[in-house]
Amino acid sequence: MEMVVENKYGFFELEKKPTVTELSEYYGKKYYQEEKLYSHTYSPEELEYTHNKITQKHFAFKELLADNIQLKLLDIGCGEGFCLKHFKDLGWDVTGCDFSEFGLKTHNPDCIGNVLVGDIYEQLAALIKADRKFDVIWLDNILEHVLEPLELLGLCKQLSKEKGVLIIEVPNDFSRLQTHLYNNKIIDKQFWVAIPDHISYFNKAGLANICREAGWQSLRFLSDFPIDFNLANKEANYVMDRTKGKAAHQQRVLLDNLFHTISIEDTNKLYEALADLGMGRQIIGIFSNI
């Protein structure tokens, strides 16, 4: 696709990136005036799924942290606040930052006092100036949106304690499966390209490479439920027939919740194996501040 190019780290990015002003205006209209992003309601099964996904990630790195101190978490782009709520309930000292508190008011209003609202980069600069340090920094579907991911990873390093942990989740894009489906005309478009929402399109190796450049050591990679497998079945292909999307999502929620009840450890092993194959709709990377 002409609009995206592979960079020196091995992942794709927009060939022509929007300016800071253009991006600010876009998100101002899309998210903060219309308030579309965080106006969802969730079923009990979806709320369970959200909690389970946070728990699975926590399980994957918890042994890296001391258990005799009050741990500190920074959630950059905390959105609806589910991650903040999870760790706050565990007794952690939690801090979030986001451009808006609308999602928090809707879903986790008891976490509003833990959130810095406004320009994220200004908030991070203020935290750095105050010499704040965190045991865990959480970047959930944020890195693909920013103009300069290396810069954000560098800011995270300044905010991390020695041997602190960075959790990154990004979409798994231009995967072998997606490319196979597109090249064989099983899908008619590269649906994962979302301009200007997504500026970078990561894969496992590319994410590891740019994190290494920023001084982070890769520890472990997971994927998540391979919802794209549905695209190989013409009766479930939600790209060619958008009405199939809801059922695919419900399948993901049901099965992942079931996996979780059987074994969190084995669920993570499954997703680690899928990550090694380049499969799964998302990539979760766990990194250490070396």
Protein backbone atom coordinates (compact mmCIF):
# COMPACT_ATOMS: atom_id res chain seq x y z
CA MET A 1 0.00 0.00 0.00
CA GLU A 2 1.47 3.33 -1.12
CA MET A 3 0.29 5.24 1.94
CA VAL A 4 2.43 3.19 4.33
CA VAL A 5 6.11 2.31 4.22
CA GLU A 6 8.30 -0.07 6.17
CA ASN A 7 10.72 1.80 8.43
CA LYS A 8 14.19 0.91 9.72
CA TYR A 9 12.73 -0.89 12.75
CA GLY A 10 10.77 -3.33 10.60
CA PHE A 11 7.22 -2.10 11.11
CA PHE A 12 5.07 0.09 8.87
CA GLU A 13 4.16 3.74 9.30
CA LEU A 14 2.37 6.41 7.31
CA GLU A 15 4.52 7.75 4.54
CA LYS A 16 2.99 11.20 5.01
CA LYS A 17 2.23 11.81 8.65
CA PRO A 18 -0.27 14.46 9.75
CA THR A 19 1.02 17.55 11.51
CA VAL A 20 0.57 18.03 15.24
CA THR A 21 -2.10 20.64 14.53
CA GLU A 22 -3.99 18.40 12.12
CA LEU A 23 -3.93 15.53 14.57
CA SER A 24 -5.09 17.70 17.48
CA GLU A 25 -7.98 19.05 15.45
CA TYR A 26 -8.98 15.56 14.30
CA TYR A 27 -9.07 14.08 17.79
CA GLY A 28 -10.73 17.17 19.17
CA LYS A 29 -13.65 16.65 16.81
CA LYS A 30 -13.76 12.87 16.96
CA TYR A 31 -13.42 12.20 20.66
CA TYR A 32 -13.83 15.20 22.85
CA GLN A 33 -16.64 17.18 21.24
CA GLU A 34 -18.75 14.29 20.01
CA GLU A 35 -17.69 12.04 22.93
CA LYS A 36 -18.15 8.95 20.78
CA LEU A 37 -15.22 6.92 21.98
CA TYR A 38 -16.26 6.32 25.58
CA SER A 39 -20.05 6.34 25.40
CA HIS A 40 -20.32 2.54 25.22
CA THR A 41 -22.21 0.31 27.55
CA TYR A 42 -20.87 -3.17 28.17
CA SER A 43 -22.51 -6.48 28.88
CA PRO A 44 -21.48 -8.39 32.03
CA GLU A 45 -19.56 -10.80 29.80
CA GLU A 46 -17.66 -7.93 28.15
CA LEU A 47 -16.79 -6.42 31.54
CA GLU A 48 -15.55 -9.83 32.66
CA TYR A 49 -13.50 -10.07 29.48
CA THR A 50 -11.93 -6.64 30.07
CA HIS A 51 -11.03 -7.57 33.64
CA ASN A 52 -9.62 -10.92 32.50
CA LYS A 53 -7.38 -9.33 29.85
CA ILE A 54 -5.87 -6.99 32.46
CA THR A 55 -5.41 -9.90 34.85
CA GLN A 56 -3.69 -11.99 32.17
CA LYS A 57 -1.19 -9.21 31.46
CA HIS A 58 -0.60 -8.66 35.17
CA PHE A 59 0.01 -12.40 35.62
CA ALA A 60 2.60 -12.30 32.84
CA PHE A 61 4.86 -9.79 34.63
CA LYS A 62 3.98 -9.89 38.34
CA GLU A 63 6.97 -12.05 39.29
CA LEU A 64 9.29 -9.29 38.06
CA LEU A 65 8.16 -6.96 40.86
CA ALA A 66 8.75 -6.85 44.59
CA ASP A 67 5.72 -7.87 46.63
CA ASN A 68 6.56 -6.07 49.86
CA ILE A 69 6.06 -2.47 48.75
CA GLN A 70 3.20 -0.38 47.46
CA LEU A 71 3.76 -0.50 43.73
CA LYS A 72 3.24 2.52 41.51
CA LEU A 73 1.49 2.37 38.13
CA LEU A 74 1.31 4.98 35.38
CA ASP A 75 -1.38 4.37 32.75
CA ILE A 76 -0.74 6.64 29.75
CA GLY A 77 -3.98 7.18 27.88
CA CYS A 78 -6.05 5.56 30.62
CA GLY A 79 -9.36 5.95 28.76
CA GLU A 80 -12.25 4.44 30.67
CA GLY A 81 -10.05 3.63 33.67
CA PHE A 82 -10.45 -0.15 33.88
CA CYS A 83 -6.72 -0.70 34.31
CA LEU A 84 -6.51 2.00 36.99
CA LYS A 85 -9.47 0.46 38.82
CA HIS A 86 -7.94 -3.03 38.69
CA PHE A 87 -4.65 -2.03 40.28
CA LYS A 88 -6.15 0.51 42.65
CA ASP A 89 -8.33 -2.26 44.09
CA LEU A 90 -5.14 -4.27 44.62
CA GLY A 91 -3.73 -1.46 46.75
CA TRP A 92 -1.38 0.05 44.18
CA ASP A 93 -0.60 3.76 43.94
CA VAL A 94 -2.07 4.53 40.51
CA THR A 95 -1.76 7.54 38.22
CA GLY A 96 -3.40 7.95 34.84
CA CYS A 97 -3.25 10.61 32.19
CA ASP A 98 -5.61 11.28 29.32
CA PHE A 99 -6.93 14.13 27.22
CA SER A 100 -10.44 13.63 28.60
CA GLU A 101 -12.08 12.27 31.74
CA PHE A 102 -15.35 11.46 29.99
CA GLY A 103 -14.65 7.72 29.87
CA LEU A 104 -13.73 7.67 33.55
CA LYS A 105 -16.91 9.49 34.55
CA THR A 106 -18.93 6.91 32.63
CA HIS A 107 -17.24 3.72 33.83
CA ASN A 108 -14.89 4.28 36.78
CA PRO A 109 -15.69 7.60 38.43
CA ASP A 110 -13.91 6.61 41.66
CA CYS A 111 -10.60 6.85 39.74
CA ILE A 112 -11.03 10.44 38.55
CA GLY A 113 -8.91 11.71 41.44
CA ASN A 114 -6.02 9.57 40.18
CA VAL A 115 -5.97 11.05 36.68
CA LEU A 116 -4.17 14.02 35.14
CA VAL A 117 -6.37 15.53 32.44
CA GLY A 118 -4.98 17.48 29.50
CA ASP A 119 -2.24 17.16 26.91
CA ILE A 120 -0.49 13.86 27.63
CA TYR A 121 2.96 15.11 26.69
CA GLU A 122 2.60 18.11 28.99
CA GLN A 123 1.51 15.81 31.80
CA LEU A 124 4.45 13.47 31.23
CA ALA A 125 6.86 16.40 31.18
CA ALA A 126 5.43 17.60 34.51
CA LEU A 127 5.84 14.12 36.03
CA ILE A 128 9.45 14.00 34.83
CA LYS A 129 10.14 17.46 36.24
CA ALA A 130 8.71 16.31 39.58
CA ASP A 131 11.06 13.28 39.44
CA ARG A 132 8.16 10.84 39.66
CA LYS A 133 9.11 7.21 39.08
CA PHE A 134 6.88 4.20 38.49
CA ASP A 135 7.23 0.44 38.84
CA VAL A 136 4.91 -0.25 35.91
CA ILE A 137 4.05 1.92 32.91
CA TRP A 138 1.03 0.85 30.89
CA LEU A 139 0.58 1.76 27.19
CA ASP A 140 -2.61 0.13 25.95
CA ASN A 141 -3.35 0.91 22.29
CA ILE A 142 -1.55 4.25 22.45
CA LEU A 143 1.75 3.80 20.62
CA GLU A 144 0.14 3.29 17.21
CA HIS A 145 -1.56 6.70 17.47
CA VAL A 146 1.43 8.95 18.22
CA LEU A 147 3.54 10.80 15.67
CA GLU A 148 6.87 9.79 17.23
CA PRO A 149 6.68 6.49 19.13
CA LEU A 150 10.41 6.54 19.90
CA GLU A 151 9.98 9.85 21.71
CA LEU A 152 7.15 8.48 23.85
CA LEU A 153 9.17 5.37 24.70
CA GLY A 154 12.01 7.64 25.80
CA LEU A 155 9.70 9.60 28.09
CA CYS A 156 8.50 6.33 29.58
CA LYS A 157 12.09 5.37 30.32
CA GLN A 158 12.63 8.63 32.21
CA LEU A 159 9.57 7.86 34.32
CA SER A 160 10.49 4.25 35.05
CA LYS A 161 12.20 3.01 38.16
CA GLU A 162 15.35 0.97 37.67
CA LYS A 163 14.23 -2.45 36.44
CA GLY A 164 10.72 -1.07 36.09
CA VAL A 165 8.31 -2.75 33.68
CA LEU A 166 6.70 -1.35 30.53
CA ILE A 167 3.56 -3.01 29.14
CA ILE A 168 2.69 -2.18 25.54
CA GLU A 169 -0.33 -3.39 23.61
CA VAL A 170 -0.71 -2.52 19.94
CA PRO A 171 -2.58 -3.98 16.98
CA ASN A 172 -0.76 -6.74 15.09
CA ASP A 173 -0.78 -5.33 11.56
CA PHE A 174 0.41 -6.52 8.16
CA SER A 175 0.57 -9.99 9.69
CA ARG A 176 1.16 -13.13 7.65
CA LEU A 177 -2.49 -14.02 7.99
CA GLN A 178 -3.74 -10.60 6.90
CA THR A 179 -1.35 -10.55 3.95
CA HIS A 180 -2.35 -14.08 2.90
CA LEU A 181 -6.04 -13.25 3.08
CA TYR A 182 -5.62 -10.06 1.07
CA ASN A 183 -3.29 -11.53 -1.57
CA ASN A 184 -5.71 -14.42 -2.11
CA LYS A 185 -8.71 -12.06 -2.37
CA ILE A 186 -10.42 -13.58 0.67
CA ILE A 187 -10.71 -9.99 1.88
CA ASP A 188 -10.92 -7.06 -0.52
CA LYS A 189 -9.15 -4.38 1.52
CA GLN A 190 -6.38 -3.90 4.05
CA PHE A 191 -8.92 -3.16 6.76
CA TRP A 192 -6.31 -2.64 9.47
CA VAL A 193 -5.04 0.58 7.84
CA ALA A 194 -6.90 3.36 9.65
CA ILE A 195 -5.78 6.85 8.67
CA PRO A 196 -5.16 9.14 10.53
CA ASP A 197 -6.08 7.22 13.71
CA HIS A 198 -3.18 4.80 13.31
CA ILE A 199 0.15 6.24 12.28
CA SER A 200 2.30 3.17 13.03
CA TYR A 201 1.50 -0.48 12.18
CA PHE A 202 3.45 -2.78 14.46
CA ASN A 203 4.60 -6.38 14.42
CA LYS A 204 6.46 -8.30 17.11
CA ALA A 205 9.96 -7.77 15.71
CA GLY A 206 9.39 -4.11 14.90
CA LEU A 207 8.05 -3.37 18.37
CA ALA A 208 11.05 -5.10 19.94
CA ASN A 209 13.45 -3.14 17.73
CA ILE A 210 12.11 0.32 18.51
CA CYS A 211 11.89 -0.47 22.22
CA ARG A 212 15.52 -1.61 22.16
CA GLU A 213 16.45 1.69 20.51
CA ALA A 214 14.79 3.50 23.43
CA GLY A 215 16.70 1.40 25.99
CA TRP A 216 14.03 -1.16 26.88
CA GLN A 217 14.80 -4.88 27.10
CA SER A 218 12.24 -7.29 25.64
CA LEU A 219 11.15 -9.92 28.14
CA ARG A 220 8.05 -11.58 26.73
CA PHE A 221 5.48 -11.26 23.96
CA LEU A 222 1.86 -12.39 23.95
CA SER A 223 -0.89 -12.02 21.40
CA ASP A 224 -4.60 -12.18 22.09
CA PHE A 225 -7.57 -14.09 20.72
CA PRO A 226 -7.07 -14.62 16.93
CA ILE A 227 -10.37 -13.08 15.85
CA ASP A 228 -8.98 -12.76 12.32
CA PHE A 229 -9.27 -16.53 11.95
CA ASN A 230 -12.94 -15.86 11.24
CA LEU A 231 -11.93 -14.23 7.97
CA ALA A 232 -10.82 -17.59 6.54
CA ASN A 233 -14.45 -18.77 6.80
CA LYS A 234 -16.68 -17.15 4.20
CA GLU A 235 -19.67 -17.61 6.51
CA ALA A 236 -17.92 -15.60 9.26
CA ASN A 237 -15.90 -13.09 7.22
CA TYR A 238 -16.70 -9.80 8.91
CA VAL A 239 -14.60 -7.76 6.49
CA MET A 240 -16.66 -8.83 3.50
CA ASP A 241 -19.89 -8.73 5.53
CA ARG A 242 -19.83 -6.27 8.41
CA THR A 243 -22.94 -7.83 9.95
CA LYS A 244 -20.72 -10.78 10.96
CA GLY A 245 -18.59 -8.61 13.24
CA LYS A 246 -20.77 -8.71 16.34
CA ALA A 247 -20.90 -12.51 16.37
CA ALA A 248 -17.11 -12.70 15.96
CA HIS A 249 -16.66 -10.37 18.93
CA GLN A 250 -19.10 -12.39 21.04
CA GLN A 251 -17.20 -15.57 20.17
CA ARG A 252 -13.95 -13.95 21.30
CA VAL A 253 -15.45 -12.82 24.60
CA LEU A 254 -17.02 -16.22 25.33
CA LEU A 255 -13.90 -18.28 24.51
CA ASP A 256 -11.35 -16.01 26.17
CA ASN A 257 -13.43 -15.90 29.34
CA LEU A 258 -13.60 -19.70 29.26
CA PHE A 259 -9.83 -20.01 28.75
CA HIS A 260 -9.32 -17.71 31.72
CA THR A 261 -11.42 -19.85 34.03
CA ILE A 262 -9.41 -22.96 33.09
CA SER A 263 -5.92 -21.50 33.57
CA ILE A 264 -4.49 -17.99 33.30
CA GLU A 265 -0.99 -19.43 32.96
CA ASP A 266 -1.96 -21.78 30.14
CA THR A 267 -3.95 -19.03 28.41
CA ASN A 268 -0.82 -16.88 28.39
CA LYS A 269 1.23 -19.81 27.05
CA LEU A 270 -1.29 -20.17 24.22
CA TYR A 271 -1.06 -16.49 23.39
CA GLU A 272 2.73 -16.56 23.65
CA ALA A 273 2.81 -19.37 21.06
CA LEU A 274 0.45 -17.44 18.79
CA ALA A 275 2.68 -14.36 19.10
CA ASP A 276 5.64 -16.48 17.98
CA LEU A 277 3.60 -17.42 14.89
CA GLY A 278 2.72 -13.78 14.24
CA MET A 279 -0.96 -14.51 14.87
CA GLY A 280 -3.54 -12.76 17.04
CA ARG A 281 -5.14 -9.38 16.50
CA GLN A 282 -3.02 -7.66 19.15
CA ILE A 283 0.59 -7.79 20.32
CA ILE A 284 1.40 -7.42 24.02
CA GLY A 285 5.03 -6.71 24.78
CA ILE A 286 6.58 -6.81 28.26
CA PHE A 287 9.79 -4.82 28.64
CA SER A 288 12.25 -4.00 31.42
CA ASN A 289 14.14 -0.77 32.11
CA ILE A 290 17.66 -2.14 31.88
